[in-house]
Protein backbone atom coordinates (compact mmCIF):
# COMPACT_ATOMS: atom_id res chain seq x y z
CA MET A 1 -1.85 31.75 7.51
CA GLU A 2 0.88 33.79 10.39
CA PRO A 3 2.72 31.78 12.09
CA MET A 4 2.10 31.44 15.76
CA THR A 5 5.01 33.38 18.53
CA VAL A 6 5.84 32.31 21.41
CA GLN A 7 7.49 33.74 24.75
CA PHE A 8 9.21 32.24 27.51
CA PHE A 9 8.76 34.42 31.31
CA LEU A 10 10.48 33.35 33.90
CA PRO A 11 8.27 33.94 37.59
CA ASP A 12 11.07 36.35 38.65
CA GLY A 13 10.40 38.43 35.12
CA SER A 14 12.70 37.24 33.36
CA GLN A 15 12.34 36.38 29.75
CA ILE A 16 13.90 33.72 27.26
CA ILE A 17 13.65 34.49 23.65
CA PHE A 18 11.77 30.66 21.47
CA ASN A 19 14.47 29.80 19.32
CA ALA A 20 13.06 26.94 17.21
CA VAL A 21 14.94 25.53 14.42
CA ALA A 22 13.88 22.84 12.55
CA VAL A 23 14.42 19.10 13.23
CA ASN A 24 14.78 16.36 9.98
CA LYS A 25 15.20 13.55 12.10
CA TYR A 26 12.62 13.09 14.37
CA LYS A 27 12.38 9.56 16.18
CA GLU A 28 9.15 10.70 18.36
CA LEU A 29 5.68 10.06 16.68
CA LEU A 30 4.96 12.53 14.16
CA LEU A 31 2.20 13.69 12.05
CA PRO A 32 2.87 12.51 8.50
CA GLY A 33 4.05 15.89 6.15
CA SER A 34 4.41 18.39 9.04
CA LYS A 35 7.15 20.87 9.48
CA ILE A 36 8.60 20.01 13.13
CA GLN A 37 10.87 23.13 14.67
CA GLU A 38 11.62 22.07 18.77
CA SER A 39 12.92 24.80 21.15
CA ASN A 40 15.38 22.83 23.21
CA SER A 41 16.92 25.13 25.99
CA GLU A 42 17.41 24.12 30.69
CA THR A 43 14.06 25.56 30.98
CA GLY A 44 11.61 22.40 28.75
CA VAL A 45 11.46 21.57 25.99
CA LEU A 46 9.18 22.56 22.90
CA THR A 47 8.05 20.24 19.45
CA VAL A 48 5.64 21.77 17.19
CA GLN A 49 4.12 19.46 14.38
CA ASP A 50 2.66 21.76 12.14
CA PHE A 51 0.59 20.74 9.09
CA THR A 52 -0.20 24.09 7.19
CA ASN A 53 -2.84 24.02 4.00
CA PRO A 54 -4.33 27.71 2.47
CA LEU A 55 -7.71 26.40 4.47
CA PHE A 56 -6.63 24.94 8.16
CA LEU A 57 -3.85 23.94 9.96
CA ILE A 58 -3.09 20.93 12.16
CA SER A 59 -0.62 21.13 14.56
CA HIS A 60 0.65 18.99 17.13
CA ARG A 61 2.61 20.23 20.02
CA ILE A 62 4.98 18.74 22.27
CA PHE A 63 5.59 20.35 26.19
CA THR A 64 8.65 19.22 28.74
CA ILE A 65 8.64 21.65 31.34
CA PHE A 66 11.86 21.68 33.86
CA THR A 67 10.83 24.78 36.23
CA LYS A 68 7.87 27.38 36.48
CA ILE A 69 7.48 29.21 33.25
CA LYS A 70 4.66 31.62 31.72
CA LEU A 71 4.20 31.05 27.55
CA SER A 72 2.66 33.78 25.98
CA ILE A 73 2.03 33.06 22.58
CA SER A 74 0.55 34.95 19.79
CA GLU A 75 -2.12 32.45 17.61
CA ARG A 76 -2.69 32.70 13.51
CA PRO A 77 -5.77 34.36 13.22
CA GLY A 78 -8.71 32.64 12.73
CA LEU A 79 -11.34 29.49 14.85
CA ARG A 80 -9.19 27.44 16.58
CA LEU A 81 -9.84 23.63 18.09
CA GLU A 82 -7.63 23.08 21.55
CA ALA A 83 -8.03 19.32 22.10
CA LEU A 84 -5.35 17.52 25.12
CA LEU A 85 -4.11 14.70 24.84
CA THR A 86 -1.91 14.67 27.60
CA GLY A 87 -1.23 16.20 30.72
CA GLU A 88 -2.85 19.07 32.37
CA ILE A 89 -2.46 23.18 30.85
CA ASN A 90 -3.91 26.45 32.33
CA PHE A 91 -4.67 29.38 30.20
CA SER A 92 -5.00 32.43 30.67
CA ILE A 93 -7.42 34.37 27.57
CA ASN A 94 -8.15 37.87 27.97
CA GLY A 95 -8.12 37.91 31.79
CA GLU A 96 -10.36 34.70 31.33
CA LYS A 97 -8.89 31.33 33.05
CA ILE A 98 -9.29 27.86 31.68
CA LYS A 99 -7.99 24.56 32.85
CA LEU A 100 -7.93 22.30 30.34
CA LYS A 101 -7.45 18.62 31.19
CA ALA A 102 -6.73 15.12 29.07
CA GLY A 103 -9.67 14.18 27.01
CA GLN A 104 -10.96 18.11 27.27
CA TYR A 105 -11.17 20.16 24.26
CA HIS A 106 -12.29 23.64 23.79
CA LEU A 107 -13.00 26.45 20.81
CA THR A 108 -11.90 29.55 21.12
CA ASP A 109 -10.69 32.85 17.87
CA LEU A 110 -9.15 34.61 20.88
CA PRO A 111 -5.27 34.94 19.04
CA LEU A 112 -3.33 36.29 22.11
CA LEU A 113 -3.15 33.30 25.64
CA THR A 114 -0.73 32.58 28.09
CA ALA A 115 -0.08 29.18 29.34
CA LEU A 116 0.81 28.39 32.74
CA PHE A 117 3.43 25.68 34.18
CA LYS A 118 4.67 23.88 36.87
CA ASN A 119 8.02 21.99 37.96
CA ASP A 120 8.93 19.13 35.59
CA SER A 121 4.70 19.35 33.84
CA SER A 122 4.95 18.03 30.58
CA CYS A 123 1.59 17.78 28.07
CA SER A 124 0.69 17.55 24.30
CA ILE A 125 -2.42 19.09 22.97
CA PHE A 126 -3.64 18.74 18.90
CA ILE A 127 -5.06 21.97 17.47
CA THR A 128 -6.65 22.55 14.02
CA HIS A 129 -7.04 26.62 13.11
CA TYR A 130 -10.40 27.08 10.58
CA SER A 131 -9.71 29.76 7.88
CA ALA A 132 -12.65 32.45 7.58
CA GLU A 133 -13.03 31.00 3.85
CA LEU A 134 -13.13 27.02 5.33
CA LEU A 135 -15.55 28.38 7.32
CA GLU A 136 -17.80 30.21 4.90
CA ARG A 137 -17.66 27.02 3.10
CA ILE A 138 -19.07 24.86 5.27
CA GLY A 139 -21.55 27.50 6.07
CA ILE A 140 -20.56 28.82 9.24
CA ASP A 141 -20.52 32.47 10.65
CA VAL A 142 -19.53 32.85 14.02
CA LEU A 143 -18.79 30.23 16.77
CA PRO A 144 -18.64 31.28 20.12
CA SER A 145 -15.70 30.28 22.35
CA SER A 146 -16.59 27.05 24.38
CA GLN A 147 -15.52 25.93 28.31
CA PRO A 148 -13.32 22.99 28.27
CA LYS A 149 -15.59 19.71 27.02
CA LYS A 150 -15.09 16.48 27.36
CA MET A 151 -14.35 15.04 24.26
CA PRO A 152 -16.78 12.66 22.16
CA GLU A 153 -15.28 9.00 21.75
CA GLY A 154 -15.39 10.19 17.68
CA MET A 155 -13.58 13.39 18.19
CA ALA A 156 -11.00 11.79 20.31
CA ASN A 157 -10.91 8.57 18.06
CA LEU A 158 -10.52 10.95 15.05
CA ILE A 159 -7.41 12.36 16.65
CA HIS A 160 -5.68 9.60 17.41
CA GLU A 161 -5.89 8.40 14.08
CA LEU A 162 -4.73 11.79 12.94
CA VAL A 163 -1.84 12.01 15.11
CA HIS A 164 -0.99 8.36 13.79
CA ASN A 165 -2.19 9.34 10.50
CA PRO A 166 -1.82 5.73 8.73
CA TYR A 167 -2.83 6.53 4.71
CA GLU A 168 -0.84 6.61 1.86
CA GLU A 169 0.19 10.18 0.87
CA ASN A 170 -1.66 10.87 -1.76
CA LEU A 171 -4.39 10.66 0.47
CA ARG A 172 -3.27 12.49 2.99
CA ASP A 173 -3.95 16.19 2.13
CA PHE A 174 -8.23 14.82 1.24
CA TYR A 175 -8.19 12.54 4.48
CA TYR A 176 -6.68 15.84 6.21
CA GLU A 177 -9.97 18.04 5.13
CA ASN A 178 -12.23 15.68 5.83
CA SER A 179 -11.07 15.19 9.08
CA VAL A 180 -10.91 19.24 10.39
CA ARG A 181 -14.04 19.31 9.35
CA GLU A 182 -15.38 16.27 11.30
CA LEU A 183 -14.06 17.93 14.27
CA LEU A 184 -15.85 20.25 13.93
CA PHE A 185 -18.89 18.57 13.42
CA PHE A 186 -18.01 16.60 16.88
CA HIS A 187 -18.36 19.77 18.64
CA LEU A 188 -21.29 20.73 17.40
CA THR A 189 -23.36 17.95 17.41
CA ASN A 190 -21.37 17.01 20.83
CA GLY A 191 -24.41 16.79 23.73
CA LYS A 192 -27.14 17.41 21.04
CA ASP A 193 -29.32 14.83 18.61
CA HIS A 194 -30.26 17.43 16.08
CA VAL A 195 -31.67 14.61 13.75
CA PRO A 196 -34.08 12.41 14.51
CA GLU A 197 -32.90 8.69 15.11
CA LYS A 198 -35.17 6.95 12.64
CA LEU A 199 -34.13 9.06 8.52
CA GLU A 200 -37.09 9.92 6.22
CA ASP A 201 -36.86 7.76 3.44
CA LYS A 202 -36.38 10.77 1.17
CA ASP A 203 -32.33 11.01 3.27
CA ILE A 204 -31.97 7.65 3.43
CA ALA A 205 -32.59 7.39 -0.83
CA VAL A 206 -29.47 10.80 -0.91
CA ILE A 207 -27.22 8.76 1.38
CA TYR A 208 -27.32 5.54 -0.72
CA GLN A 209 -27.19 7.85 -3.45
CA ALA A 210 -23.87 9.03 -2.34
CA ASP A 211 -22.58 5.60 -1.87
CA ALA A 212 -22.94 4.61 -4.99
CA ILE A 213 -20.97 7.62 -6.11
CA ILE A 214 -18.25 6.12 -3.69
CA ALA A 215 -18.05 3.11 -5.52
CA SER A 216 -17.97 3.75 -8.96
CA ASN A 217 -15.81 6.39 -8.19
CA LEU A 218 -12.86 5.12 -6.27
CA HIS A 219 -10.16 6.71 -7.39
CA GLU A 220 -12.00 9.82 -6.49
CA HIS A 221 -10.75 11.75 -3.51
CA PHE A 222 -14.45 13.34 -2.52
CA THR A 223 -14.46 16.02 -0.26
CA ILE A 224 -17.81 16.52 1.57
CA GLU A 225 -18.68 19.89 0.29
CA LYS A 226 -18.24 17.88 -3.45
CA LEU A 227 -20.45 14.49 -2.67
CA SER A 228 -23.45 15.86 -0.48
CA ARG A 229 -24.02 18.29 -3.66
CA LEU A 230 -23.02 15.73 -6.11
CA ALA A 231 -25.69 13.87 -4.16
CA GLY A 232 -28.58 16.92 -3.28
CA THR A 233 -28.00 17.36 0.44
CA ASN A 234 -25.58 19.47 2.75
CA GLU A 235 -22.81 18.01 5.14
CA PHE A 236 -24.93 17.20 8.19
CA LYS A 237 -27.47 15.47 6.83
CA LEU A 238 -24.02 13.23 4.57
CA LYS A 239 -22.57 12.45 7.59
CA LYS A 240 -25.06 12.53 9.98
CA GLY A 241 -26.62 9.64 7.47
CA PHE A 242 -23.63 7.87 6.67
CA ARG A 243 -23.01 6.99 10.51
CA GLN A 244 -26.78 5.82 11.13
CA LEU A 245 -27.26 3.73 7.95
CA PHE A 246 -22.99 2.64 7.69
CA GLY A 247 -21.46 2.91 11.22
CA MET A 248 -18.42 4.65 9.54
CA GLY A 249 -18.27 8.32 7.89
CA VAL A 250 -17.71 8.79 4.19
CA PHE A 251 -13.69 9.17 4.35
CA HIS A 252 -13.73 5.51 5.88
CA ARG A 253 -17.09 4.38 3.50
CA LEU A 254 -14.70 4.53 0.86
CA LEU A 255 -11.76 2.92 2.47
CA PHE A 256 -14.40 0.09 3.08
CA ARG A 257 -15.54 0.11 -0.26
CA ARG A 258 -11.86 -0.31 -1.94
CA MET A 259 -11.20 -3.24 0.49
CA GLU A 260 -14.50 -4.97 -0.31
CA GLN A 261 -13.81 -4.44 -4.08
CA ALA A 262 -10.66 -5.54 -3.74
CA LYS A 263 -11.89 -8.62 -1.91
CA VAL A 264 -14.30 -10.11 -4.84
CA LEU A 265 -11.41 -9.06 -7.39
CA LEU A 266 -9.09 -11.45 -5.46
CA GLU A 267 -11.71 -14.28 -4.60
CA THR A 268 -13.30 -13.98 -8.30
CA THR A 269 -10.55 -13.62 -10.79
CA ASN A 270 -6.55 -14.20 -11.80
CA LYS A 271 -5.58 -10.79 -11.29
CA SER A 272 -2.40 -9.53 -10.52
CA ILE A 273 -1.81 -7.40 -7.38
CA GLY A 274 -0.78 -4.52 -9.48
CA GLU A 275 -4.24 -4.32 -11.75
CA ILE A 276 -6.64 -5.13 -8.32
CA ALA A 277 -5.01 -1.84 -6.67
CA ASP A 278 -5.59 -0.04 -9.63
CA LEU A 279 -8.90 -1.26 -9.75
CA ALA A 280 -9.52 -0.94 -5.97
CA GLY A 281 -8.72 2.91 -6.44
CA TYR A 282 -5.40 2.74 -5.50
CA ASP A 283 -2.50 4.56 -7.24
CA THR A 284 0.43 2.10 -6.23
CA ALA A 285 0.22 -1.68 -5.14
CA ALA A 286 2.29 -1.19 -2.23
CA GLY A 287 -0.23 1.58 -0.88
CA PHE A 288 -2.94 -0.89 -1.68
CA ILE A 289 -1.10 -3.93 0.31
CA HIS A 290 -0.21 -1.86 3.17
CA ALA A 291 -3.68 -0.74 3.62
CA PHE A 292 -4.97 -4.01 3.38
CA ARG A 293 -2.66 -5.75 5.72
CA ARG A 294 -3.83 -3.06 7.95
CA GLU A 295 -7.19 -4.28 7.77
CA PHE A 296 -6.82 -7.77 7.49
CA ASP A 297 -3.90 -8.19 9.44
CA MET A 298 -2.60 -9.90 6.16
CA THR A 299 -1.69 -9.17 2.59
CA PRO A 300 -3.32 -9.37 -0.33
CA ARG A 301 -1.65 -12.81 -1.29
CA GLU A 302 -2.76 -14.95 1.90
CA TRP A 303 -6.05 -13.32 1.66
CA ARG A 304 -6.04 -15.20 -1.64
CA LYS A 305 -4.53 -18.04 -0.87
CA GLN A 306 -6.73 -18.77 2.56
CA ILE A 307 -9.76 -18.33 0.14
CA THR A 308 -8.21 -20.30 -2.19
CA ASP A 309 -7.06 -23.90 -0.01
CA LYS A 310 -10.74 -22.93 1.83
CA GLU A 311 -12.42 -23.79 -1.53
CA ASN A 312 -10.30 -26.66 -2.26
CA ASP A 313 -10.59 -28.39 1.25
CA GLU A 314 -14.93 -28.10 0.54
CA ASN A 315 -14.24 -29.41 -2.67
CA ILE A 316 -12.82 -32.50 -1.33
CA SER A 317 -14.88 -32.94 1.51
CA GLN A 318 -17.69 -33.55 -0.93
CA GLU A 319 -16.39 -35.99 -3.10
């Protein structure tokens, strides 16, 4: 994907060259795996965090503007989903004015736009770019641009999680690709009910089949596309079915399955933490311990000790 270009224009018509430099040490919120660039001047600060992939791009941009200014932005080609996390931003796209407020998003494929900022204003925006190849894989040819819409709860939660990405490096690309697809899915189903509340028996069977595939291959990082193909369904039904039956997306079902396997092994065997990490699908013990602590607010050893102490107390009370 081609990089975006940005130009600053002051009210008097003068232009300031966008001079972004790479940032090696960044103390604020960081999108893991991203390339960070920053333009810092008396006009304002623009920080761009880009995670690039041949099929998609994830960008987190933070604007801190000191004086009234207009930004001319030439975006990468392809469909973009733009969600405003904080502040307010006024766009002009092909002469059409769009006001985006925090908690709203819109969809567009137009590459040229201008953004208008007032004195002492700031905002942060989360953007996902979809290549034509990825849209073709998903099965989408053309999506119309959308006016600003309120982010559905699932979309807002997923974006928050992406920006605070808690997953270890070996899961990162897999997590990002599934997530950008999921964001588009939230847009397509926003305000609509494409699937009846009650799943048909054949659909339920397919979802459980997909879940069994996950449970039997905890080391495998299945894409939605691959898992739906193996289970004999389409991506839409797979995602919707997992949320209806299990109350979670496919990626989180994998993590749930890993944790369930780990808990069983901790409770019923004397295997080491390293062995359990491997059997539960983790590449390293450190990654497993980090994930377990995040999920249960304790380490695997502490959880095992808690279970053992509880069993000992129950045995004593029965004597």
